[in-house]
Amino acid sequence: MIDTDYDLLRNEVKSELINQEGKYNPSDRDTNVRIVEDIRKAIDAIADGVIPSATHIAEVAIATNENLQIRDFIMGVQQEKDINYVGEYISLLGNVIVKHKAIPLAAVFCGYLYQTEDIEQAKAMLQDILTLDPEYPLAKLLSRVFQAEWPADEFSKMSQLLHSKVVDTIYAIDTEEVTNDN
């Protein structure tokens, strides 16, 4: 884990969350593409020992709460990046974002833990998430996966299939723009 002052970063992120609240448009393709590219760069930076900025962390927190495509992108980004650095990235974000804003990332981290076969920690974290929000859809899905004792590699395969579709959707050109240009 990267050495950082979590209290300082937590306060900076909290301030950024307040500053960015209401500014994110989940339908803005260019913003979503930029966020996805920034996530990839941040994971690479984590591999180099560099902490993402509070601005980045707050933006990802807001986007994962308001846009399932961004949340699902993070859930499958280990298809592109080293799963250990992805886990470190998600863990860092989850540790500095206020709990009610961290639920999507915490659920994604549960999936990460499950895929790395840290089943007991994944189950404990899932219980914490369900305590905060018993109706959160991804947490309910993970609960069913855990109860069925679905093999971790099958969960990874599902994540891989979903990831390619999510990336295609995020990068898709708006068909109305193409139609209007012709």
N, C-alpha and C. Protein backbone atom coordinates (compact mmCIF):
# COMPACT_ATOMS: atom_id res chain seq x y z
N MET A 1 0.85 -1.19 0.00
CA MET A 1 0.00 0.00 0.00
C MET A 1 0.89 1.24 0.00
N ILE A 2 0.48 2.24 -0.72
CA ILE A 2 1.21 3.49 -0.81
C ILE A 2 1.13 4.24 0.51
N ASP A 3 2.25 4.84 0.91
CA ASP A 3 2.29 5.61 2.14
C ASP A 3 1.73 7.01 1.87
N THR A 4 0.67 7.37 2.60
CA THR A 4 0.07 8.69 2.43
C THR A 4 -0.61 9.10 3.72
N ASP A 5 -0.87 10.37 3.85
CA ASP A 5 -1.61 10.90 4.99
C ASP A 5 -3.10 10.82 4.62
N TYR A 6 -3.74 9.73 5.06
CA TYR A 6 -5.14 9.49 4.69
C TYR A 6 -6.07 10.56 5.24
N ASP A 7 -5.79 11.07 6.43
CA ASP A 7 -6.66 12.11 7.00
C ASP A 7 -6.64 13.37 6.15
N LEU A 8 -5.45 13.78 5.73
CA LEU A 8 -5.33 14.96 4.87
C LEU A 8 -6.04 14.72 3.53
N LEU A 9 -5.77 13.59 2.91
CA LEU A 9 -6.40 13.27 1.62
C LEU A 9 -7.91 13.18 1.77
N ARG A 10 -8.38 12.57 2.85
CA ARG A 10 -9.82 12.45 3.12
C ARG A 10 -10.47 13.84 3.19
N ASN A 11 -9.83 14.77 3.87
CA ASN A 11 -10.36 16.14 3.98
C ASN A 11 -10.36 16.85 2.63
N GLU A 12 -9.31 16.66 1.85
CA GLU A 12 -9.24 17.26 0.52
C GLU A 12 -10.34 16.69 -0.38
N VAL A 13 -10.55 15.38 -0.31
CA VAL A 13 -11.59 14.74 -1.12
C VAL A 13 -12.97 15.24 -0.69
N LYS A 14 -13.19 15.34 0.59
CA LYS A 14 -14.48 15.84 1.09
C LYS A 14 -14.77 17.24 0.54
N SER A 15 -13.76 18.09 0.55
CA SER A 15 -13.90 19.44 0.00
C SER A 15 -14.20 19.40 -1.50
N GLU A 16 -13.49 18.53 -2.22
CA GLU A 16 -13.71 18.39 -3.67
C GLU A 16 -15.10 17.84 -3.98
N LEU A 17 -15.58 16.92 -3.16
CA LEU A 17 -16.94 16.40 -3.36
C LEU A 17 -17.96 17.52 -3.27
N ILE A 18 -17.80 18.38 -2.31
CA ILE A 18 -18.70 19.53 -2.15
C ILE A 18 -18.57 20.46 -3.36
N ASN A 19 -17.34 20.71 -3.79
CA ASN A 19 -17.08 21.60 -4.92
C ASN A 19 -17.66 21.06 -6.23
N GLN A 20 -17.60 19.75 -6.43
CA GLN A 20 -18.03 19.15 -7.70
C GLN A 20 -19.50 18.73 -7.71
N GLU A 21 -20.14 18.72 -6.56
CA GLU A 21 -21.53 18.25 -6.47
C GLU A 21 -22.43 18.99 -7.47
N GLY A 22 -23.19 18.22 -8.23
CA GLY A 22 -24.14 18.79 -9.19
C GLY A 22 -23.55 19.20 -10.53
N LYS A 23 -22.24 19.05 -10.70
CA LYS A 23 -21.58 19.48 -11.94
C LYS A 23 -21.40 18.35 -12.96
N TYR A 24 -21.49 17.10 -12.50
CA TYR A 24 -21.26 15.96 -13.40
C TYR A 24 -22.53 15.65 -14.18
N ASN A 25 -22.37 15.49 -15.49
CA ASN A 25 -23.48 15.10 -16.36
C ASN A 25 -23.22 13.68 -16.86
N PRO A 26 -23.97 12.70 -16.34
CA PRO A 26 -23.73 11.30 -16.72
C PRO A 26 -23.91 11.03 -18.22
N SER A 27 -24.58 11.90 -18.93
CA SER A 27 -24.82 11.70 -20.37
C SER A 27 -23.75 12.34 -21.24
N ASP A 28 -22.80 13.04 -20.65
CA ASP A 28 -21.76 13.72 -21.41
C ASP A 28 -20.67 12.72 -21.79
N ARG A 29 -20.72 12.28 -23.03
CA ARG A 29 -19.80 11.26 -23.52
C ARG A 29 -18.35 11.68 -23.35
N ASP A 30 -18.02 12.91 -23.71
CA ASP A 30 -16.64 13.36 -23.63
C ASP A 30 -16.12 13.32 -22.19
N THR A 31 -16.95 13.73 -21.25
CA THR A 31 -16.56 13.68 -19.84
C THR A 31 -16.35 12.24 -19.40
N ASN A 32 -17.26 11.35 -19.79
CA ASN A 32 -17.13 9.94 -19.41
C ASN A 32 -15.88 9.30 -20.00
N VAL A 33 -15.57 9.62 -21.24
CA VAL A 33 -14.35 9.09 -21.87
C VAL A 33 -13.13 9.62 -21.11
N ARG A 34 -13.13 10.90 -20.78
CA ARG A 34 -12.01 11.48 -20.04
C ARG A 34 -11.86 10.81 -18.67
N ILE A 35 -12.97 10.58 -17.98
CA ILE A 35 -12.90 9.93 -16.67
C ILE A 35 -12.32 8.52 -16.80
N VAL A 36 -12.75 7.77 -17.79
CA VAL A 36 -12.23 6.42 -18.02
C VAL A 36 -10.73 6.48 -18.29
N GLU A 37 -10.30 7.40 -19.15
CA GLU A 37 -8.87 7.55 -19.43
C GLU A 37 -8.11 7.96 -18.18
N ASP A 38 -8.69 8.85 -17.37
CA ASP A 38 -8.06 9.27 -16.12
C ASP A 38 -7.94 8.11 -15.13
N ILE A 39 -8.94 7.24 -15.11
CA ILE A 39 -8.87 6.06 -14.24
C ILE A 39 -7.70 5.17 -14.67
N ARG A 40 -7.58 4.94 -15.95
CA ARG A 40 -6.46 4.13 -16.45
C ARG A 40 -5.12 4.75 -16.06
N LYS A 41 -5.01 6.07 -16.25
CA LYS A 41 -3.76 6.76 -15.89
C LYS A 41 -3.50 6.69 -14.39
N ALA A 42 -4.55 6.83 -13.59
CA ALA A 42 -4.39 6.79 -12.13
C ALA A 42 -3.92 5.42 -11.66
N ILE A 43 -4.41 4.36 -12.30
CA ILE A 43 -3.97 3.01 -11.93
C ILE A 43 -2.50 2.83 -12.31
N ASP A 44 -2.10 3.34 -13.46
CA ASP A 44 -0.69 3.31 -13.85
C ASP A 44 0.15 4.09 -12.84
N ALA A 45 -0.37 5.23 -12.40
CA ALA A 45 0.35 6.06 -11.42
C ALA A 45 0.48 5.33 -10.08
N ILE A 46 -0.58 4.64 -9.67
CA ILE A 46 -0.53 3.84 -8.44
C ILE A 46 0.62 2.84 -8.54
N ALA A 47 0.77 2.23 -9.71
CA ALA A 47 1.86 1.26 -9.92
C ALA A 47 3.22 1.92 -9.73
N ASP A 48 3.28 3.23 -10.00
CA ASP A 48 4.53 3.98 -9.84
C ASP A 48 4.64 4.64 -8.47
N GLY A 49 3.66 4.37 -7.59
CA GLY A 49 3.70 4.93 -6.24
C GLY A 49 3.11 6.32 -6.10
N VAL A 50 2.35 6.77 -7.10
CA VAL A 50 1.79 8.11 -7.10
C VAL A 50 0.30 8.05 -6.74
N ILE A 51 -0.10 8.87 -5.77
CA ILE A 51 -1.48 8.93 -5.31
C ILE A 51 -2.30 9.81 -6.26
N PRO A 52 -3.52 9.39 -6.63
CA PRO A 52 -4.38 10.26 -7.44
C PRO A 52 -4.74 11.53 -6.67
N SER A 53 -5.04 12.57 -7.39
CA SER A 53 -5.41 13.85 -6.75
C SER A 53 -6.79 13.74 -6.11
N ALA A 54 -7.04 14.62 -5.16
CA ALA A 54 -8.36 14.68 -4.52
C ALA A 54 -9.43 15.00 -5.56
N THR A 55 -9.09 15.82 -6.53
CA THR A 55 -10.03 16.17 -7.60
C THR A 55 -10.43 14.91 -8.37
N HIS A 56 -9.46 14.09 -8.74
CA HIS A 56 -9.74 12.84 -9.46
C HIS A 56 -10.60 11.91 -8.61
N ILE A 57 -10.22 11.74 -7.36
CA ILE A 57 -10.95 10.82 -6.48
C ILE A 57 -12.39 11.26 -6.33
N ALA A 58 -12.62 12.56 -6.12
CA ALA A 58 -13.99 13.07 -5.97
C ALA A 58 -14.78 12.88 -7.26
N GLU A 59 -14.15 13.14 -8.39
CA GLU A 59 -14.84 12.98 -9.67
C GLU A 59 -15.24 11.53 -9.90
N VAL A 60 -14.37 10.59 -9.58
CA VAL A 60 -14.68 9.18 -9.74
C VAL A 60 -15.79 8.77 -8.76
N ALA A 61 -15.73 9.28 -7.54
CA ALA A 61 -16.78 8.97 -6.56
C ALA A 61 -18.14 9.43 -7.06
N ILE A 62 -18.21 10.63 -7.56
CA ILE A 62 -19.48 11.16 -8.07
C ILE A 62 -19.93 10.37 -9.29
N ALA A 63 -19.01 10.12 -10.22
CA ALA A 63 -19.36 9.40 -11.45
C ALA A 63 -19.84 7.98 -11.15
N THR A 64 -19.21 7.29 -10.21
CA THR A 64 -19.64 5.92 -9.92
C THR A 64 -20.99 5.88 -9.22
N ASN A 65 -21.37 6.97 -8.59
CA ASN A 65 -22.69 7.04 -7.96
C ASN A 65 -23.78 7.41 -8.96
N GLU A 66 -23.41 8.12 -10.02
CA GLU A 66 -24.41 8.62 -10.95
C GLU A 66 -24.42 7.92 -12.30
N ASN A 67 -23.42 7.07 -12.57
CA ASN A 67 -23.31 6.46 -13.88
C ASN A 67 -22.84 5.00 -13.73
N LEU A 68 -23.75 4.08 -13.96
CA LEU A 68 -23.41 2.66 -13.83
C LEU A 68 -22.30 2.24 -14.79
N GLN A 69 -22.20 2.91 -15.93
CA GLN A 69 -21.15 2.56 -16.90
C GLN A 69 -19.76 2.80 -16.31
N ILE A 70 -19.60 3.90 -15.58
CA ILE A 70 -18.30 4.20 -14.97
C ILE A 70 -18.02 3.19 -13.86
N ARG A 71 -19.02 2.91 -13.03
CA ARG A 71 -18.85 1.90 -11.97
C ARG A 71 -18.47 0.56 -12.58
N ASP A 72 -19.18 0.16 -13.62
CA ASP A 72 -18.92 -1.14 -14.24
C ASP A 72 -17.58 -1.16 -14.98
N PHE A 73 -17.16 -0.01 -15.49
CA PHE A 73 -15.83 0.07 -16.09
C PHE A 73 -14.78 -0.27 -15.03
N ILE A 74 -14.90 0.32 -13.85
CA ILE A 74 -13.93 0.05 -12.78
C ILE A 74 -14.00 -1.41 -12.37
N MET A 75 -15.20 -1.99 -12.38
CA MET A 75 -15.34 -3.39 -12.00
C MET A 75 -14.56 -4.31 -12.94
N GLY A 76 -14.38 -3.91 -14.19
CA GLY A 76 -13.70 -4.78 -15.15
C GLY A 76 -12.34 -4.30 -15.61
N VAL A 77 -11.87 -3.18 -15.06
CA VAL A 77 -10.62 -2.61 -15.56
C VAL A 77 -9.41 -3.54 -15.34
N GLN A 78 -9.55 -4.53 -14.44
CA GLN A 78 -8.44 -5.47 -14.27
C GLN A 78 -8.25 -6.33 -15.51
N GLN A 79 -9.17 -6.24 -16.47
CA GLN A 79 -8.97 -6.92 -17.75
C GLN A 79 -7.87 -6.21 -18.55
N GLU A 80 -7.64 -4.92 -18.22
CA GLU A 80 -6.64 -4.11 -18.92
C GLU A 80 -5.39 -3.85 -18.09
N LYS A 81 -5.57 -3.79 -16.80
CA LYS A 81 -4.50 -3.40 -15.88
C LYS A 81 -4.23 -4.52 -14.88
N ASP A 82 -3.08 -4.48 -14.26
CA ASP A 82 -2.72 -5.47 -13.24
C ASP A 82 -3.75 -5.44 -12.11
N ILE A 83 -4.33 -6.60 -11.81
CA ILE A 83 -5.42 -6.67 -10.83
C ILE A 83 -4.98 -6.17 -9.45
N ASN A 84 -3.72 -6.35 -9.10
CA ASN A 84 -3.25 -5.88 -7.79
C ASN A 84 -3.24 -4.36 -7.70
N TYR A 85 -2.84 -3.69 -8.77
CA TYR A 85 -2.86 -2.22 -8.77
C TYR A 85 -4.29 -1.70 -8.85
N VAL A 86 -5.15 -2.41 -9.55
CA VAL A 86 -6.56 -2.04 -9.57
C VAL A 86 -7.13 -2.13 -8.16
N GLY A 87 -6.83 -3.22 -7.47
CA GLY A 87 -7.29 -3.38 -6.10
C GLY A 87 -6.77 -2.28 -5.19
N GLU A 88 -5.50 -1.93 -5.34
CA GLU A 88 -4.91 -0.86 -4.53
C GLU A 88 -5.60 0.48 -4.82
N TYR A 89 -5.88 0.72 -6.10
CA TYR A 89 -6.57 1.96 -6.50
C TYR A 89 -7.97 2.03 -5.88
N ILE A 90 -8.74 0.97 -6.03
CA ILE A 90 -10.10 0.96 -5.50
C ILE A 90 -10.08 1.07 -3.97
N SER A 91 -9.16 0.37 -3.34
CA SER A 91 -9.04 0.42 -1.89
C SER A 91 -8.72 1.84 -1.42
N LEU A 92 -7.77 2.48 -2.09
CA LEU A 92 -7.41 3.86 -1.74
C LEU A 92 -8.62 4.77 -1.84
N LEU A 93 -9.33 4.70 -2.96
CA LEU A 93 -10.51 5.55 -3.14
C LEU A 93 -11.55 5.27 -2.05
N GLY A 94 -11.80 4.01 -1.79
CA GLY A 94 -12.78 3.65 -0.78
C GLY A 94 -12.41 4.11 0.62
N ASN A 95 -11.11 4.23 0.88
CA ASN A 95 -10.65 4.65 2.20
C ASN A 95 -10.68 6.16 2.43
N VAL A 96 -10.83 6.94 1.37
CA VAL A 96 -10.81 8.40 1.54
C VAL A 96 -12.12 9.08 1.15
N ILE A 97 -13.08 8.31 0.67
CA ILE A 97 -14.38 8.86 0.28
C ILE A 97 -15.37 8.60 1.41
N VAL A 98 -16.21 9.60 1.71
CA VAL A 98 -17.22 9.42 2.75
C VAL A 98 -18.07 8.20 2.43
N LYS A 99 -18.47 7.48 3.47
CA LYS A 99 -19.11 6.16 3.30
C LYS A 99 -20.29 6.17 2.35
N HIS A 100 -21.19 7.14 2.47
CA HIS A 100 -22.39 7.11 1.62
C HIS A 100 -22.06 7.32 0.14
N LYS A 101 -20.91 7.92 -0.16
CA LYS A 101 -20.48 8.10 -1.55
C LYS A 101 -19.61 6.94 -2.03
N ALA A 102 -19.14 6.11 -1.10
CA ALA A 102 -18.20 5.04 -1.44
C ALA A 102 -18.89 3.70 -1.70
N ILE A 103 -20.20 3.63 -1.58
CA ILE A 103 -20.90 2.34 -1.73
C ILE A 103 -20.61 1.68 -3.08
N PRO A 104 -20.71 2.39 -4.21
CA PRO A 104 -20.41 1.71 -5.49
C PRO A 104 -18.98 1.16 -5.54
N LEU A 105 -18.02 1.97 -5.07
CA LEU A 105 -16.63 1.51 -5.09
C LEU A 105 -16.40 0.37 -4.11
N ALA A 106 -17.06 0.40 -2.97
CA ALA A 106 -16.94 -0.68 -2.00
C ALA A 106 -17.50 -1.98 -2.59
N ALA A 107 -18.60 -1.88 -3.31
CA ALA A 107 -19.18 -3.07 -3.95
C ALA A 107 -18.23 -3.61 -5.02
N VAL A 108 -17.64 -2.72 -5.79
CA VAL A 108 -16.66 -3.14 -6.80
C VAL A 108 -15.47 -3.82 -6.11
N PHE A 109 -15.03 -3.25 -4.99
CA PHE A 109 -13.91 -3.83 -4.25
C PHE A 109 -14.26 -5.22 -3.73
N CYS A 110 -15.52 -5.42 -3.34
CA CYS A 110 -15.96 -6.77 -2.94
C CYS A 110 -15.77 -7.75 -4.09
N GLY A 111 -16.14 -7.33 -5.28
CA GLY A 111 -15.94 -8.18 -6.45
C GLY A 111 -14.47 -8.46 -6.69
N TYR A 112 -13.64 -7.45 -6.50
CA TYR A 112 -12.19 -7.63 -6.63
C TYR A 112 -11.70 -8.67 -5.61
N LEU A 113 -12.11 -8.51 -4.35
CA LEU A 113 -11.69 -9.46 -3.31
C LEU A 113 -12.14 -10.88 -3.66
N TYR A 114 -13.35 -11.00 -4.19
CA TYR A 114 -13.88 -12.31 -4.57
C TYR A 114 -13.03 -12.92 -5.68
N GLN A 115 -12.68 -12.10 -6.67
CA GLN A 115 -11.88 -12.60 -7.79
C GLN A 115 -10.48 -13.01 -7.36
N THR A 116 -9.95 -12.36 -6.33
CA THR A 116 -8.63 -12.73 -5.84
C THR A 116 -8.74 -13.80 -4.76
N GLU A 117 -9.94 -14.33 -4.60
CA GLU A 117 -10.25 -15.43 -3.69
C GLU A 117 -10.04 -15.09 -2.22
N ASP A 118 -10.21 -13.81 -1.89
CA ASP A 118 -10.22 -13.38 -0.49
C ASP A 118 -11.69 -13.34 -0.06
N ILE A 119 -12.30 -14.50 -0.07
CA ILE A 119 -13.75 -14.67 0.08
C ILE A 119 -14.26 -14.15 1.42
N GLU A 120 -13.58 -14.46 2.49
CA GLU A 120 -14.07 -14.04 3.82
C GLU A 120 -14.08 -12.52 3.96
N GLN A 121 -13.02 -11.87 3.49
CA GLN A 121 -13.00 -10.40 3.55
C GLN A 121 -14.07 -9.82 2.64
N ALA A 122 -14.28 -10.42 1.48
CA ALA A 122 -15.33 -9.96 0.56
C ALA A 122 -16.70 -10.06 1.22
N LYS A 123 -16.96 -11.17 1.90
CA LYS A 123 -18.24 -11.36 2.57
C LYS A 123 -18.43 -10.35 3.70
N ALA A 124 -17.38 -10.09 4.47
CA ALA A 124 -17.47 -9.12 5.57
C ALA A 124 -17.73 -7.71 5.03
N MET A 125 -17.05 -7.36 3.96
CA MET A 125 -17.26 -6.03 3.37
C MET A 125 -18.67 -5.92 2.80
N LEU A 126 -19.14 -6.99 2.18
CA LEU A 126 -20.49 -6.98 1.63
C LEU A 126 -21.52 -6.74 2.73
N GLN A 127 -21.33 -7.35 3.88
CA GLN A 127 -22.25 -7.12 5.00
C GLN A 127 -22.25 -5.66 5.42
N ASP A 128 -21.08 -5.03 5.42
CA ASP A 128 -21.01 -3.60 5.75
C ASP A 128 -21.78 -2.76 4.73
N ILE A 129 -21.64 -3.11 3.47
CA ILE A 129 -22.34 -2.37 2.41
C ILE A 129 -23.85 -2.55 2.56
N LEU A 130 -24.28 -3.77 2.77
CA LEU A 130 -25.71 -4.05 2.91
C LEU A 130 -26.29 -3.37 4.15
N THR A 131 -25.48 -3.16 5.18
CA THR A 131 -25.93 -2.43 6.36
C THR A 131 -26.17 -0.97 6.00
N LEU A 132 -25.27 -0.40 5.19
CA LEU A 132 -25.42 1.00 4.75
C LEU A 132 -26.57 1.17 3.77
N ASP A 133 -26.70 0.23 2.83
CA ASP A 133 -27.72 0.33 1.79
C ASP A 133 -28.18 -1.07 1.39
N PRO A 134 -29.19 -1.61 2.10
CA PRO A 134 -29.63 -2.98 1.84
C PRO A 134 -30.21 -3.19 0.44
N GLU A 135 -30.52 -2.12 -0.27
CA GLU A 135 -31.13 -2.24 -1.59
C GLU A 135 -30.17 -1.96 -2.74
N TYR A 136 -28.88 -1.74 -2.43
CA TYR A 136 -27.95 -1.42 -3.50
C TYR A 136 -27.85 -2.63 -4.44
N PRO A 137 -28.20 -2.46 -5.73
CA PRO A 137 -28.32 -3.60 -6.65
C PRO A 137 -27.06 -4.45 -6.80
N LEU A 138 -25.89 -3.82 -6.93
CA LEU A 138 -24.68 -4.62 -7.10
C LEU A 138 -24.39 -5.43 -5.83
N ALA A 139 -24.66 -4.86 -4.68
CA ALA A 139 -24.46 -5.60 -3.42
C ALA A 139 -25.40 -6.79 -3.35
N LYS A 140 -26.63 -6.61 -3.79
CA LYS A 140 -27.59 -7.72 -3.80
C LYS A 140 -27.14 -8.82 -4.76
N LEU A 141 -26.61 -8.42 -5.92
CA LEU A 141 -26.09 -9.40 -6.88
C LEU A 141 -24.91 -10.16 -6.28
N LEU A 142 -23.99 -9.42 -5.66
CA LEU A 142 -22.83 -10.07 -5.05
C LEU A 142 -23.27 -11.04 -3.95
N SER A 143 -24.28 -10.66 -3.21
CA SER A 143 -24.80 -11.54 -2.16
C SER A 143 -25.27 -12.86 -2.76
N ARG A 144 -25.98 -12.79 -3.88
CA ARG A 144 -26.43 -14.02 -4.54
C ARG A 144 -25.25 -14.85 -5.06
N VAL A 145 -24.23 -14.15 -5.61
CA VAL A 145 -23.03 -14.84 -6.10
C VAL A 145 -22.34 -15.56 -4.95
N PHE A 146 -22.19 -14.88 -3.81
CA PHE A 146 -21.51 -15.47 -2.66
C PHE A 146 -22.30 -16.65 -2.11
N GLN A 147 -23.63 -16.48 -2.01
CA GLN A 147 -24.47 -17.55 -1.48
C GLN A 147 -24.43 -18.79 -2.38
N ALA A 148 -24.35 -18.57 -3.68
CA ALA A 148 -24.29 -19.68 -4.62
C ALA A 148 -22.90 -20.30 -4.70
N GLU A 149 -21.94 -19.65 -4.02
CA GLU A 149 -20.54 -20.10 -4.05
C GLU A 149 -20.04 -20.24 -5.49
N TRP A 150 -20.39 -19.24 -6.27
CA TRP A 150 -19.97 -19.19 -7.66
C TRP A 150 -18.44 -19.16 -7.71
N PRO A 151 -17.80 -19.95 -8.55
CA PRO A 151 -16.33 -19.94 -8.61
C PRO A 151 -15.80 -18.56 -9.00
N ALA A 152 -14.71 -18.17 -8.35
CA ALA A 152 -14.12 -16.85 -8.59
C ALA A 152 -13.76 -16.64 -10.06
N ASP A 153 -13.28 -17.70 -10.72
CA ASP A 153 -12.91 -17.55 -12.13
C ASP A 153 -14.12 -17.31 -13.02
N GLU A 154 -15.29 -17.83 -12.62
CA GLU A 154 -16.52 -17.55 -13.38
C GLU A 154 -16.93 -16.09 -13.22
N PHE A 155 -16.74 -15.56 -12.01
CA PHE A 155 -17.03 -14.14 -11.78
C PHE A 155 -16.09 -13.29 -12.63
N SER A 156 -14.84 -13.70 -12.74
CA SER A 156 -13.87 -12.99 -13.58
C SER A 156 -14.28 -13.02 -15.05
N LYS A 157 -14.79 -14.17 -15.51
CA LYS A 157 -15.25 -14.28 -16.90
C LYS A 157 -16.43 -13.35 -17.16
N MET A 158 -17.37 -13.29 -16.20
CA MET A 158 -18.51 -12.39 -16.34
C MET A 158 -18.03 -10.95 -16.40
N SER A 159 -17.07 -10.62 -15.56
CA SER A 159 -16.52 -9.27 -15.53
C SER A 159 -15.87 -8.92 -16.86
N GLN A 160 -15.17 -9.89 -17.45
CA GLN A 160 -14.52 -9.67 -18.74
C GLN A 160 -15.54 -9.39 -19.84
N LEU A 161 -16.60 -10.17 -19.87
CA LEU A 161 -17.66 -9.95 -20.87
C LEU A 161 -18.32 -8.59 -20.70
N LEU A 162 -18.63 -8.26 -19.46
CA LEU A 162 -19.26 -6.97 -19.17
C LEU A 162 -18.33 -5.82 -19.54
N HIS A 163 -17.05 -5.97 -19.23
CA HIS A 163 -16.10 -4.87 -19.45
C HIS A 163 -16.03 -4.47 -20.92
N SER A 164 -15.97 -5.42 -21.82
CA SER A 164 -15.88 -5.07 -23.24
C SER A 164 -17.14 -4.33 -23.70
N LYS A 165 -18.29 -4.71 -23.19
CA LYS A 165 -19.53 -4.02 -23.55
C LYS A 165 -19.57 -2.61 -22.97
N VAL A 166 -19.11 -2.47 -21.73
CA VAL A 166 -19.10 -1.16 -21.08
C VAL A 166 -18.16 -0.21 -21.84
N VAL A 167 -16.97 -0.69 -22.17
CA VAL A 167 -16.02 0.15 -22.90
C VAL A 167 -16.62 0.57 -24.24
N ASP A 168 -17.24 -0.36 -24.95
CA ASP A 168 -17.87 -0.02 -26.23
C ASP A 168 -18.95 1.04 -26.04
N THR A 169 -19.74 0.93 -24.99
CA THR A 169 -20.81 1.88 -24.73
C THR A 169 -20.25 3.26 -24.39
N ILE A 170 -19.24 3.31 -23.54
CA ILE A 170 -18.66 4.60 -23.13
C ILE A 170 -18.07 5.32 -24.33
N TYR A 171 -17.40 4.58 -25.21
CA TYR A 171 -16.74 5.18 -26.35
C TYR A 171 -17.64 5.32 -27.58
N ALA A 172 -18.86 4.84 -27.50
CA ALA A 172 -19.77 4.89 -28.64
C ALA A 172 -20.02 6.33 -29.07
N ILE A 173 -20.08 6.52 -30.36
CA ILE A 173 -20.40 7.83 -30.90
C ILE A 173 -21.91 7.99 -30.86
N ASP A 174 -22.35 9.14 -30.45
CA ASP A 174 -23.79 9.43 -30.40
C ASP A 174 -24.35 9.30 -31.82
N THR A 175 -25.31 8.39 -31.99
CA THR A 175 -25.87 8.15 -33.33
C THR A 175 -26.59 9.36 -33.87
N GLU A 176 -27.14 10.21 -33.02
CA GLU A 176 -27.80 11.42 -33.49
C GLU A 176 -26.79 12.37 -34.13
N GLU A 177 -25.57 12.46 -33.54
CA GLU A 177 -24.55 13.33 -34.12
C GLU A 177 -24.18 12.83 -35.50
N VAL A 178 -24.03 11.51 -35.67
CA VAL A 178 -23.67 10.94 -36.96
C VAL A 178 -24.79 11.20 -37.96
N THR A 179 -26.04 11.00 -37.54
CA THR A 179 -27.17 11.22 -38.42
C THR A 179 -27.27 12.69 -38.84
N ASN A 180 -27.06 13.61 -37.92
CA ASN A 180 -27.18 15.03 -38.23
C ASN A 180 -26.06 15.53 -39.14
N ASP A 181 -24.91 14.86 -39.11
CA ASP A 181 -23.81 15.29 -39.96
C ASP A 181 -23.97 14.82 -41.39
N ASN A 182 -24.80 13.82 -41.62
CA ASN A 182 -24.95 13.26 -42.96
C ASN A 182 -26.12 13.86 -43.70
